[in-house]
C-alpha atoms as a PDB file:
ATOM      1  CA  MET A   1     -16.628  60.755   8.413  1.00  0.00           C
ATOM      2  CA  SER A   2     -16.957  64.242   6.972  1.00  0.00           C
ATOM      3  CA  ILE A   3     -13.897  66.056   5.606  1.00  0.00           C
ATOM      4  CA  GLU A   4     -14.122  68.672   8.432  1.00  0.00           C
ATOM      5  CA  ASN A   5     -14.021  65.925  10.977  1.00  0.00           C
ATOM      6  CA  GLU A   6     -11.042  64.330   9.159  1.00  0.00           C
ATOM      7  CA  MET A   7      -8.799  67.019  10.565  1.00  0.00           C
ATOM      8  CA  THR A   8     -10.152  66.896  14.071  1.00  0.00           C
ATOM      9  CA  THR A   9     -11.015  63.240  14.660  1.00  0.00           C
ATOM     10  CA  HIS A  10      -9.751  59.833  13.562  1.00  0.00           C
ATOM     11  CA  ARG A  11     -11.728  56.671  14.060  1.00  0.00           C
ATOM     12  CA  GLY A  12     -13.723  58.091  16.876  1.00  0.00           C
ATOM     13  CA  ALA A  13     -10.671  59.487  18.727  1.00  0.00           C
ATOM     14  CA  CYS A  14     -10.028  63.062  19.666  1.00  0.00           C
ATOM     15  CA  ALA A  15      -7.941  65.405  17.546  1.00  0.00           C
ATOM     16  CA  PRO A  16      -4.617  63.862  16.612  1.00  0.00           C
ATOM     17  CA  GLU A  17      -2.197  64.070  19.508  1.00  0.00           C
ATOM     18  CA  SER A  18       0.713  61.815  18.688  1.00  0.00           C
ATOM     19  CA  LEU A  19       2.715  61.441  15.503  1.00  0.00           C
ATOM     20  CA  MET A  20       1.059  58.066  14.952  1.00  0.00           C
ATOM     21  CA  ASP A  21      -2.390  59.690  15.187  1.00  0.00           C
ATOM     22  CA  TYR A  22      -1.404  62.063  12.381  1.00  0.00           C
ATOM     23  CA  TYR A  23      -0.070  59.245  10.204  1.00  0.00           C
ATOM     24  CA  GLN A  24      -3.292  57.321  10.760  1.00  0.00           C
ATOM     25  CA  ALA A  25      -5.479  60.364  10.064  1.00  0.00           C
ATOM     26  CA  ILE A  26      -3.537  61.016   6.817  1.00  0.00           C
ATOM     27  CA  GLU A  27      -4.004  57.397   5.844  1.00  0.00           C
ATOM     28  CA  SER A  28      -7.717  57.616   6.594  1.00  0.00           C
ATOM     29  CA  ALA A  29      -8.054  60.792   4.474  1.00  0.00           C
ATOM     30  CA  SER A  30      -6.059  59.056   1.709  1.00  0.00           C
ATOM     31  CA  SER A  31      -8.434  56.053   1.756  1.00  0.00           C
ATOM     32  CA  ASN A  32     -11.417  58.363   1.601  1.00  0.00           C
ATOM     33  CA  MET A  33      -9.825  60.240  -1.300  1.00  0.00           C
ATOM     34  CA  LEU A  34      -9.415  56.896  -3.116  1.00  0.00           C
ATOM     35  CA  ALA A  35     -13.037  55.957  -2.419  1.00  0.00           C
ATOM     36  CA  ALA A  36     -14.200  59.303  -3.884  1.00  0.00           C
ATOM     37  CA  ALA A  37     -11.957  58.804  -6.951  1.00  0.00           C
ATOM     38  CA  HIS A  38     -13.586  55.396  -7.488  1.00  0.00           C
ATOM     39  CA  VAL A  39     -16.990  57.035  -7.842  1.00  0.00           C
ATOM     40  CA  GLU A  40     -15.494  59.900  -9.834  1.00  0.00           C
ATOM     41  CA  ASP A  41     -16.444  62.444  -7.168  1.00  0.00           C
ATOM     42  CA  TRP A  42     -13.523  64.769  -8.013  1.00  0.00           C
ATOM     43  CA  ASP A  43     -14.711  67.668  -5.895  1.00  0.00           C
ATOM     44  CA  GLN A  44     -14.580  65.314  -2.913  1.00  0.00           C
ATOM     45  CA  VAL A  45     -11.175  64.088  -3.956  1.00  0.00           C
ATOM     46  CA  VAL A  46      -9.938  67.690  -3.926  1.00  0.00           C
ATOM     47  CA  ARG A  47     -11.472  68.322  -0.500  1.00  0.00           C
ATOM     48  CA  TYR A  48      -9.758  65.258   0.933  1.00  0.00           C
ATOM     49  CA  GLU A  49      -6.522  66.268  -0.671  1.00  0.00           C
ATOM     50  CA  GLY A  50      -6.836  69.617   1.177  1.00  0.00           C
ATOM     51  CA  ALA A  51      -7.455  67.745   4.443  1.00  0.00           C
ATOM     52  CA  CYS A  52      -4.322  65.697   3.768  1.00  0.00           C
ATOM     53  CA  ALA A  53      -2.300  68.870   3.139  1.00  0.00           C
ATOM     54  CA  VAL A  54      -3.403  70.395   6.456  1.00  0.00           C
ATOM     55  CA  LEU A  55      -2.665  67.132   8.382  1.00  0.00           C
ATOM     56  CA  ILE A  56       0.774  66.853   6.745  1.00  0.00           C
ATOM     57  CA  GLU A  57       1.632  70.350   7.785  1.00  0.00           C
ATOM     58  CA  GLN A  58       0.491  69.655  11.328  1.00  0.00           C
ATOM     59  CA  LEU A  59       2.497  66.413  11.307  1.00  0.00           C
ATOM     60  CA  ARG A  60       5.647  68.311  10.242  1.00  0.00           C
ATOM     61  CA  PHE A  61       5.242  70.616  13.214  1.00  0.00           C
ATOM     62  CA  LYS A  62       4.527  67.718  15.658  1.00  0.00           C
ATOM     63  CA  ALA A  63       7.572  65.738  14.287  1.00  0.00           C
ATOM     64  CA  ARG A  64       9.876  68.488  15.603  1.00  0.00           C
ATOM     65  CA  GLN A  65       8.528  67.814  19.113  1.00  0.00           C
ATOM     66  CA  GLU A  66       8.171  64.017  19.162  1.00  0.00           C
ATOM     67  CA  GLU A  67      10.110  60.988  17.939  1.00  0.00           C
ATOM     68  CA  LEU A  68       8.733  57.607  17.034  1.00  0.00           C
ATOM     69  CA  ALA A  69       9.835  54.485  18.896  1.00  0.00           C
ATOM     70  CA  PRO A  70      11.367  51.778  16.764  1.00  0.00           C
ATOM     71  CA  GLU A  71       8.175  49.689  16.634  1.00  0.00           C
ATOM     72  CA  GLN A  72       6.232  52.788  15.699  1.00  0.00           C
ATOM     73  CA  ARG A  73       8.621  53.373  12.798  1.00  0.00           C
ATOM     74  CA  LYS A  74       7.709  50.004  11.386  1.00  0.00           C
ATOM     75  CA  VAL A  75       4.007  50.817  11.607  1.00  0.00           C
ATOM     76  CA  LYS A  76       4.733  54.235  10.066  1.00  0.00           C
ATOM     77  CA  ALA A  77       6.470  52.577   7.131  1.00  0.00           C
ATOM     78  CA  GLN A  78       3.441  50.334   6.592  1.00  0.00           C
ATOM     79  CA  ILE A  79       1.090  53.268   6.757  1.00  0.00           C
ATOM     80  CA  MET A  80       3.245  55.204   4.234  1.00  0.00           C
ATOM     81  CA  GLN A  81       3.238  52.264   1.831  1.00  0.00           C
ATOM     82  CA  ARG A  82      -0.551  52.147   1.914  1.00  0.00           C
ATOM     83  CA  ILE A  83      -0.778  55.961   1.374  1.00  0.00           C
ATOM     84  CA  LEU A  84       1.576  55.687  -1.578  1.00  0.00           C
ATOM     85  CA  LYS A  85      -0.501  52.771  -3.017  1.00  0.00           C
ATOM     86  CA  ASN A  86      -3.616  54.898  -2.593  1.00  0.00           C
ATOM     87  CA  ASP A  87      -1.921  57.812  -4.266  1.00  0.00           C
ATOM     88  CA  ALA A  88      -0.810  55.767  -7.254  1.00  0.00           C
ATOM     89  CA  GLU A  89      -4.333  54.359  -7.722  1.00  0.00           C
ATOM     90  CA  ILE A  90      -5.938  57.797  -7.396  1.00  0.00           C
ATOM     91  CA  ARG A  91      -3.524  59.101 -10.087  1.00  0.00           C
ATOM     92  CA  LEU A  92      -4.595  56.253 -12.388  1.00  0.00           C
ATOM     93  CA  LEU A  93      -8.212  56.963 -11.804  1.00  0.00           C
ATOM     94  CA  ALA A  94      -7.779  60.704 -12.224  1.00  0.00           C
ATOM     95  CA  GLU A  95      -5.724  60.608 -15.426  1.00  0.00           C
ATOM     96  CA  PRO A  96      -8.729  60.469 -17.804  1.00  0.00           C
ATOM     97  CA  TRP A  97     -10.468  63.179 -15.911  1.00  0.00           C
ATOM     98  CA  LEU A  98      -7.386  65.361 -15.926  1.00  0.00           C
ATOM     99  CA  ASN A  99      -7.000  64.797 -19.685  1.00  0.00           C
ATOM    100  CA  GLU A 100     -10.592  65.722 -20.269  1.00  0.00           C
ATOM    101  CA  LEU A 101     -10.217  68.816 -18.067  1.00  0.00           C
ATOM    102  CA  GLY A 102      -7.121  69.833 -20.039  1.00  0.00           C
ATOM    103  CA  GLU A 103      -9.022  69.509 -23.308  1.00  0.00           C
ATOM    104  CA  MET A 104     -11.873  71.655 -21.889  1.00  0.00           C
ATOM    105  CA  MET A 105      -9.421  74.282 -20.762  1.00  0.00           C
ATOM    106  CA  ASN A 106      -7.580  74.366 -24.136  1.00  0.00           C
ATOM    107  CA  PRO A 107      -9.976  73.122 -26.842  1.00  0.00           C
ATOM    108  CA  GLN A 108      -7.758  74.475 -29.657  1.00  0.00           C
ATOM    109  CA  ALA A 109      -4.827  72.230 -28.665  1.00  0.00           C
ATOM    110  CA  HIS A 110      -7.019  69.167 -29.303  1.00  0.00           C
ATOM    111  CA  ARG A 111      -7.970  70.413 -32.790  1.00  0.00           C
ATOM    112  CA  LEU A 112      -4.309  70.984 -33.689  1.00  0.00           C
ATOM    113  CA  HIS A 113      -3.257  67.351 -33.198  1.00  0.00           C
END
């Protein structure tokens, strides 16, 4: 699924309509971000991160209008755990790239140490 479609569709469904649709779309974008990080496609990671940011903002708006049922809250918690796990793994994969980027941005700092 393309990044553009990430914000408008999820697993073949229409644009997110319910809170759960948003959580699932964010999880999907998070999974795609992790897949891109595994192949060191950092531009794609950044694009998916942007898609997540948009979806999260839309979710915040939707959350003011809709509440989750108790069983949905359990599913939401599971989704959030998977998103956090993806995020932690992305950070581990990105750390060497971020260090390298920092050295490129400030080459004198590397020489001083």
